[in-house]
C-alpha atoms as a PDB file:
ATOM      1  CA  LEU A   1      85.404 127.143 117.460  1.00  0.00           C
ATOM      2  CA  THR A   2      81.889 125.766 117.668  1.00  0.00           C
ATOM      3  CA  PHE A   3      80.052 122.715 118.971  1.00  0.00           C
ATOM      4  CA  TYR A   4      81.134 120.822 115.833  1.00  0.00           C
ATOM      5  CA  THR A   5      84.691 122.119 115.570  1.00  0.00           C
ATOM      6  CA  SER A   6      87.759 121.927 117.766  1.00  0.00           C
ATOM      7  CA  GLU A   7      91.505 122.273 117.867  1.00  0.00           C
ATOM      8  CA  HIS A   8      93.561 119.222 118.773  1.00  0.00           C
ATOM      9  CA  TYR A   9      96.558 119.283 121.122  1.00  0.00           C
ATOM     10  CA  PHE A  10      98.746 116.517 122.489  1.00  0.00           C
ATOM     11  CA  LYS A  11     101.365 116.596 125.220  1.00  0.00           C
ATOM     12  CA  ILE A  12     104.579 115.187 123.790  1.00  0.00           C
ATOM     13  CA  ASN A  13     107.771 115.033 125.882  1.00  0.00           C
ATOM     14  CA  GLY A  14     106.325 117.641 128.224  1.00  0.00           C
ATOM     15  CA  GLU A  15     105.491 120.050 125.401  1.00  0.00           C
ATOM     16  CA  ILE A  16     101.971 120.897 124.222  1.00  0.00           C
ATOM     17  CA  VAL A  17     101.799 120.448 120.434  1.00  0.00           C
ATOM     18  CA  LYS A  18      98.894 121.585 118.266  1.00  0.00           C
ATOM     19  CA  LEU A  19      97.962 119.229 115.440  1.00  0.00           C
ATOM     20  CA  ASN A  20      97.423 121.128 112.217  1.00  0.00           C
ATOM     21  CA  LEU A  21      94.225 119.395 111.188  1.00  0.00           C
ATOM     22  CA  PRO A  22      90.884 120.674 109.906  1.00  0.00           C
ATOM     23  CA  GLU A  23      88.778 121.914 112.810  1.00  0.00           C
ATOM     24  CA  ASP A  24      85.865 119.613 111.947  1.00  0.00           C
ATOM     25  CA  VAL A  25      87.627 116.235 112.270  1.00  0.00           C
ATOM     26  CA  GLU A  26      87.419 113.842 115.195  1.00  0.00           C
ATOM     27  CA  VAL A  27      90.802 112.621 116.401  1.00  0.00           C
ATOM     28  CA  SER A  28      91.856 109.677 118.541  1.00  0.00           C
ATOM     29  CA  THR A  29      94.889 107.431 118.904  1.00  0.00           C
ATOM     30  CA  PHE A  30      95.454 103.689 118.758  1.00  0.00           C
ATOM     31  CA  ALA A  31      98.905 102.299 119.617  1.00  0.00           C
ATOM     32  CA  ASP A  32     101.261 104.603 117.669  1.00  0.00           C
ATOM     33  CA  GLN A  33      98.577 105.618 115.174  1.00  0.00           C
ATOM     34  CA  LEU A  34      96.627 108.849 114.780  1.00  0.00           C
ATOM     35  CA  LEU A  35      93.024 108.081 113.787  1.00  0.00           C
ATOM     36  CA  ILE A  36      91.179 110.831 111.931  1.00  0.00           C
ATOM     37  CA  GLU A  37      87.443 110.683 111.270  1.00  0.00           C
ATOM     38  CA  LEU A  38      86.358 113.191 108.636  1.00  0.00           C
ATOM     39  CA  ARG A  39      83.153 115.222 108.794  1.00  0.00           C
ATOM     40  CA  LYS A  40      83.898 116.949 105.467  1.00  0.00           C
ATOM     41  CA  ASP A  41      85.888 115.968 102.386  1.00  0.00           C
ATOM     42  CA  TRP A  42      89.633 116.450 102.906  1.00  0.00           C
ATOM     43  CA  GLY A  43      91.785 116.187  99.814  1.00  0.00           C
ATOM     44  CA  SER A  44      90.786 112.975  98.063  1.00  0.00           C
ATOM     45  CA  TYR A  45      89.233 111.502 101.251  1.00  0.00           C
ATOM     46  CA  ASP A  46      85.437 111.654 101.515  1.00  0.00           C
ATOM     47  CA  ALA A  47      83.439 112.970 104.450  1.00  0.00           C
ATOM     48  CA  GLY A  48      82.704 110.025 106.734  1.00  0.00           C
ATOM     49  CA  SER A  49      86.062 108.334 106.093  1.00  0.00           C
ATOM     50  CA  LEU A  50      88.275 106.976 108.855  1.00  0.00           C
ATOM     51  CA  ILE A  51      92.001 107.244 108.137  1.00  0.00           C
ATOM     52  CA  SER A  52      95.074 106.253 110.118  1.00  0.00           C
ATOM     53  CA  ILE A  53      98.659 107.472 110.025  1.00  0.00           C
ATOM     54  CA  GLN A  54     101.630 106.773 112.275  1.00  0.00           C
ATOM     55  CA  PHE A  55     101.510 109.565 114.867  1.00  0.00           C
ATOM     56  CA  ASP A  56     105.248 110.318 114.941  1.00  0.00           C
ATOM     57  CA  LYS A  57     105.439 110.387 111.152  1.00  0.00           C
ATOM     58  CA  PHE A  58     102.564 112.867 111.011  1.00  0.00           C
ATOM     59  CA  LEU A  59     104.191 115.126 113.589  1.00  0.00           C
ATOM     60  CA  GLU A  60     107.709 115.024 112.204  1.00  0.00           C
ATOM     61  CA  GLU A  61     107.002 115.193 108.499  1.00  0.00           C
ATOM     62  CA  HIS A  62     103.463 116.251 107.816  1.00  0.00           C
ATOM     63  CA  ASN A  63     101.851 118.258 110.600  1.00  0.00           C
ATOM     64  CA  ASN A  64     100.210 120.335 107.896  1.00  0.00           C
ATOM     65  CA  ILE A  65      96.638 120.226 106.593  1.00  0.00           C
ATOM     66  CA  ASP A  66      97.633 121.343 103.104  1.00  0.00           C
ATOM     67  CA  VAL A  67      99.511 118.169 102.170  1.00  0.00           C
ATOM     68  CA  ILE A  68      97.030 115.373 102.972  1.00  0.00           C
ATOM     69  CA  ASP A  69      97.130 113.965  99.440  1.00  0.00           C
ATOM     70  CA  ASP A  70     100.944 113.912  99.565  1.00  0.00           C
ATOM     71  CA  LEU A  71     100.657 111.472 102.493  1.00  0.00           C
ATOM     72  CA  LYS A  72      98.775 108.695 100.674  1.00  0.00           C
ATOM     73  CA  SER A  73     101.658 106.254 101.040  1.00  0.00           C
ATOM     74  CA  ASP A  74     101.628 106.811 104.826  1.00  0.00           C
ATOM     75  CA  ILE A  75      97.848 106.665 105.313  1.00  0.00           C
ATOM     76  CA  THR A  76      95.651 103.610 105.743  1.00  0.00           C
ATOM     77  CA  LEU A  77      92.026 104.103 104.780  1.00  0.00           C
ATOM     78  CA  LEU A  78      90.162 102.077 107.412  1.00  0.00           C
ATOM     79  CA  PHE A  79      86.702 103.080 106.211  1.00  0.00           C
ATOM     80  CA  ARG A  80      85.342 104.798 103.113  1.00  0.00           C
ATOM     81  CA  PRO A  81      81.650 105.712 103.064  1.00  0.00           C
ATOM     82  CA  LEU A  82      79.319 105.134 100.142  1.00  0.00           C
ATOM     83  CA  PRO A  83      75.834 106.594  99.586  1.00  0.00           C
ATOM     84  CA  GLU A  84      74.296 103.491 101.203  1.00  0.00           C
ATOM     85  CA  ARG A  85      77.104 102.846 103.720  1.00  0.00           C
ATOM     86  CA  SER A  86      78.120 104.811 106.838  1.00  0.00           C
ATOM     87  CA  LEU A  87      80.328 104.372 109.883  1.00  0.00           C
ATOM     88  CA  GLN A  88      78.251 104.173 113.067  1.00  0.00           C
ATOM     89  CA  SER A  89      80.968 103.625 115.669  1.00  0.00           C
ATOM     90  CA  LYS A  90      84.409 102.242 116.383  1.00  0.00           C
ATOM     91  CA  THR A  91      85.434 100.083 119.319  1.00  0.00           C
ATOM     92  CA  GLU A  92      89.021  99.490 120.336  1.00  0.00           C
ATOM     93  CA  THR A  93      90.458  96.345 121.868  1.00  0.00           C
ATOM     94  CA  LYS A  94      94.087  95.658 122.747  1.00  0.00           C
ATOM     95  CA  ASN A  95      95.139  94.859 119.163  1.00  0.00           C
ATOM     96  CA  CYS A  96      92.065  95.565 117.032  1.00  0.00           C
ATOM     97  CA  ILE A  97      89.601  98.182 115.987  1.00  0.00           C
ATOM     98  CA  VAL A  98      86.077  96.969 115.308  1.00  0.00           C
ATOM     99  CA  LEU A  99      84.016  99.253 113.085  1.00  0.00           C
ATOM    100  CA  THR A 100      80.237  99.105 113.230  1.00  0.00           C
ATOM    101  CA  VAL A 101      78.888 100.005 109.798  1.00  0.00           C
ATOM    102  CA  LEU A 102      75.400 100.415 108.384  1.00  0.00           C
ATOM    103  CA  ASP A 103      75.245  99.057 104.838  1.00  0.00           C
ATOM    104  CA  ASN A 104      71.791  99.430 103.249  1.00  0.00           C
ATOM    105  CA  VAL A 105      70.404  99.660 106.795  1.00  0.00           C
ATOM    106  CA  VAL A 106      72.009  96.330 107.740  1.00  0.00           C
ATOM    107  CA  SER A 107      74.585  96.281 110.536  1.00  0.00           C
ATOM    108  CA  GLN A 108      78.036  94.998 109.717  1.00  0.00           C
ATOM    109  CA  LEU A 109      81.258  94.650 111.698  1.00  0.00           C
ATOM    110  CA  ILE A 110      84.654  95.250 110.121  1.00  0.00           C
ATOM    111  CA  VAL A 111      87.661  94.108 112.147  1.00  0.00           C
ATOM    112  CA  TRP A 112      91.142  95.599 111.644  1.00  0.00           C
ATOM    113  CA  LEU A 113      94.165  94.086 113.432  1.00  0.00           C
ATOM    114  CA  TYR A 114      97.122  96.371 114.102  1.00  0.00           C
ATOM    115  CA  ASP A 115     100.633  94.924 113.748  1.00  0.00           C
ATOM    116  CA  SER A 116     102.711  97.234 115.957  1.00  0.00           C
ATOM    117  CA  GLU A 117     106.043  95.721 114.870  1.00  0.00           C
ATOM    118  CA  ASN A 118     105.465  96.597 111.211  1.00  0.00           C
ATOM    119  CA  HIS A 119     103.213  99.618 111.855  1.00  0.00           C
ATOM    120  CA  GLU A 120     100.483  98.300 109.585  1.00  0.00           C
ATOM    121  CA  TRP A 121      96.801  97.444 109.642  1.00  0.00           C
ATOM    122  CA  LYS A 122      95.477  94.096 108.417  1.00  0.00           C
ATOM    123  CA  LEU A 123      91.834  93.522 107.601  1.00  0.00           C
ATOM    124  CA  ARG A 124      90.776  90.516 109.703  1.00  0.00           C
ATOM    125  CA  GLY A 125      87.240  90.138 108.469  1.00  0.00           C
ATOM    126  CA  GLU A 126      83.708  91.352 108.107  1.00  0.00           C
ATOM    127  CA  LEU A 127      80.529  90.085 109.743  1.00  0.00           C
ATOM    128  CA  GLU A 128      77.041  90.994 108.546  1.00  0.00           C
ATOM    129  CA  ALA A 129      74.079  90.782 110.910  1.00  0.00           C
ATOM    130  CA  GLY A 130      71.675  89.460 108.277  1.00  0.00           C
ATOM    131  CA  LYS A 131      68.532  90.777 106.648  1.00  0.00           C
ATOM    132  CA  ASN A 132      66.894  92.432 109.667  1.00  0.00           C
ATOM    133  CA  GLY A 133      69.688  92.066 112.191  1.00  0.00           C
ATOM    134  CA  ILE A 134      71.493  94.636 114.249  1.00  0.00           C
ATOM    135  CA  VAL A 135      74.966  94.068 115.594  1.00  0.00           C
ATOM    136  CA  ASP A 136      77.155  96.280 117.764  1.00  0.00           C
ATOM    137  CA  VAL A 137      80.295  95.864 119.857  1.00  0.00           C
ATOM    138  CA  SER A 138      81.465  97.453 123.072  1.00  0.00           C
ATOM    139  CA  ALA A 139      84.587  96.972 125.123  1.00  0.00           C
ATOM    140  CA  SER A 140      85.528  97.740 128.683  1.00  0.00           C
ATOM    141  CA  GLY A 141      88.712  97.482 130.503  1.00  0.00           C
END
């Protein structure tokens, strides 16, 4: 392990469980979702992508780094980078994730609403800061 790599463990029902993920991803949770931010390409997902999968489904069926492309039906791609577009940050609220994106050096917000009853993400909207604008979001609570 290095400064840029790590292993990911979660305590589930009193047991420590290692997530079988690439060592160079960043991992967080939102509601019942596992959020994975990629530093390198992983299967058909590009470096810089943000993907989401139901945490329990990942643990029970797919806790294996070799089958990421077999999980496409279970994964939501929340952000896909392009040569001129990168994810700067993500901010979580009670029901939403707000992504701050740089698109051709212009700040943009992308808002995803999570429907916990149906276990699905819905794109709520995008807001661009304008020609020379900068926009960012933070939350506390």
